[in-house]
Amino acid sequence: MHRGNVSTSQESMSYYVRNRNSLLKDLDKVSRHVRKVLESEMDASQVNQIVTESRKEYDRIIPMIPDIQGRRIHFISIWLAAHGCWP
């Protein structure tokens, strides 16, 4: 069954899974800034490892992010950012 351009399988996916590529691109943007800071403290191979492992872990946990929808998402995003959990 289809509703508009969204298939049933897409409807069952969370917002975060549907937007995985965009979220990973956002992380990549943040990582470029973090990379600069880290490179002032450690060698490039360590920085590459941290950035690579962080991206893999973020990609792994995207399906685990609860899809709470609605107005609460704005509050949750602010809360996560304030606690250093959101890029």
Protein backbone atom coordinates (compact mmCIF):
# COMPACT_ATOMS: atom_id res chain seq x y z
CA MET A 1 0.00 0.00 0.00
CA HIS A 2 1.25 3.48 -0.83
CA ARG A 3 0.33 6.82 0.63
CA GLY A 4 1.49 9.49 -1.74
CA ASN A 5 5.19 8.95 -2.44
CA VAL A 6 5.89 7.13 0.82
CA SER A 7 5.82 3.34 0.80
CA THR A 8 4.64 1.27 3.74
CA SER A 9 8.20 0.19 4.50
CA GLN A 10 9.30 3.83 4.62
CA GLU A 11 6.39 4.67 6.92
CA SER A 12 7.58 2.07 9.41
CA MET A 13 11.14 3.45 9.42
CA SER A 14 11.97 6.11 11.95
CA TYR A 15 12.73 9.67 10.92
CA TYR A 16 16.39 9.04 11.69
CA VAL A 17 16.68 5.90 9.57
CA ARG A 18 14.93 7.63 6.66
CA ASN A 19 17.37 10.54 7.01
CA ARG A 20 20.50 8.50 7.74
CA ASN A 21 22.50 9.96 4.83
CA SER A 22 21.69 13.53 5.85
CA LEU A 23 22.61 12.81 9.46
CA LEU A 24 25.92 11.30 8.41
CA LYS A 25 26.66 14.32 6.21
CA ASP A 26 25.95 16.58 9.20
CA LEU A 27 28.33 14.49 11.31
CA ASP A 28 30.98 14.78 8.60
CA LYS A 29 30.67 18.59 8.72
CA VAL A 30 31.10 18.60 12.48
CA SER A 31 33.99 16.14 12.22
CA ARG A 32 35.93 18.52 9.99
CA HIS A 33 35.92 21.08 12.81
CA VAL A 34 36.67 18.50 15.49
CA ARG A 35 39.50 17.13 13.36
CA LYS A 36 41.25 20.52 13.46
CA VAL A 37 41.11 20.60 17.25
CA LEU A 38 42.26 17.00 17.62
CA GLU A 39 45.14 17.45 15.19
CA SER A 40 46.58 20.11 17.48
CA GLU A 41 46.72 17.51 20.27
CA MET A 42 47.58 14.20 18.56
CA ASP A 43 48.98 12.73 15.36
CA ALA A 44 46.96 12.39 12.17
CA SER A 45 46.63 8.60 12.35
CA GLN A 46 45.00 8.81 15.79
CA VAL A 47 42.65 11.54 14.56
CA ASN A 48 41.71 9.48 11.50
CA GLN A 49 40.97 6.50 13.70
CA ILE A 50 38.78 8.54 16.05
CA VAL A 51 36.84 10.16 13.20
CA THR A 52 36.39 6.85 11.35
CA GLU A 53 35.29 4.92 14.45
CA SER A 54 32.97 7.73 15.55
CA ARG A 55 31.23 7.75 12.17
CA LYS A 56 30.81 3.96 12.20
CA GLU A 57 29.38 4.05 15.71
CA TYR A 58 27.01 6.91 14.87
CA ASP A 59 25.79 5.00 11.81
CA ARG A 60 25.30 1.91 13.98
CA ILE A 61 23.19 3.70 16.60
CA ILE A 62 20.98 5.72 14.21
CA PRO A 63 18.30 2.98 14.15
CA MET A 64 18.28 3.01 17.97
CA ILE A 65 17.35 6.70 18.26
CA PRO A 66 13.72 6.85 19.42
CA ASP A 67 11.34 8.43 16.92
CA ILE A 68 9.35 10.72 19.20
CA GLN A 69 8.07 13.06 16.44
CA GLY A 70 6.25 16.31 16.93
CA ARG A 71 7.20 19.33 19.00
CA ARG A 72 9.15 17.32 21.56
CA ILE A 73 11.91 16.64 19.04
CA HIS A 74 13.01 20.27 19.23
CA PHE A 75 13.37 20.04 23.01
CA ILE A 76 15.20 16.70 22.78
CA SER A 77 17.63 18.08 20.16
CA ILE A 78 18.45 21.03 22.41
CA TRP A 79 18.84 18.75 25.43
CA LEU A 80 21.14 16.36 23.55
CA ALA A 81 23.24 19.23 22.20
CA ALA A 82 23.54 20.78 25.66
CA HIS A 83 24.83 17.48 27.01
CA GLY A 84 27.32 16.98 24.21
CA CYS A 85 25.41 14.08 22.67
CA TRP A 86 24.32 15.68 19.43
CA PRO A 87 26.37 17.29 16.67
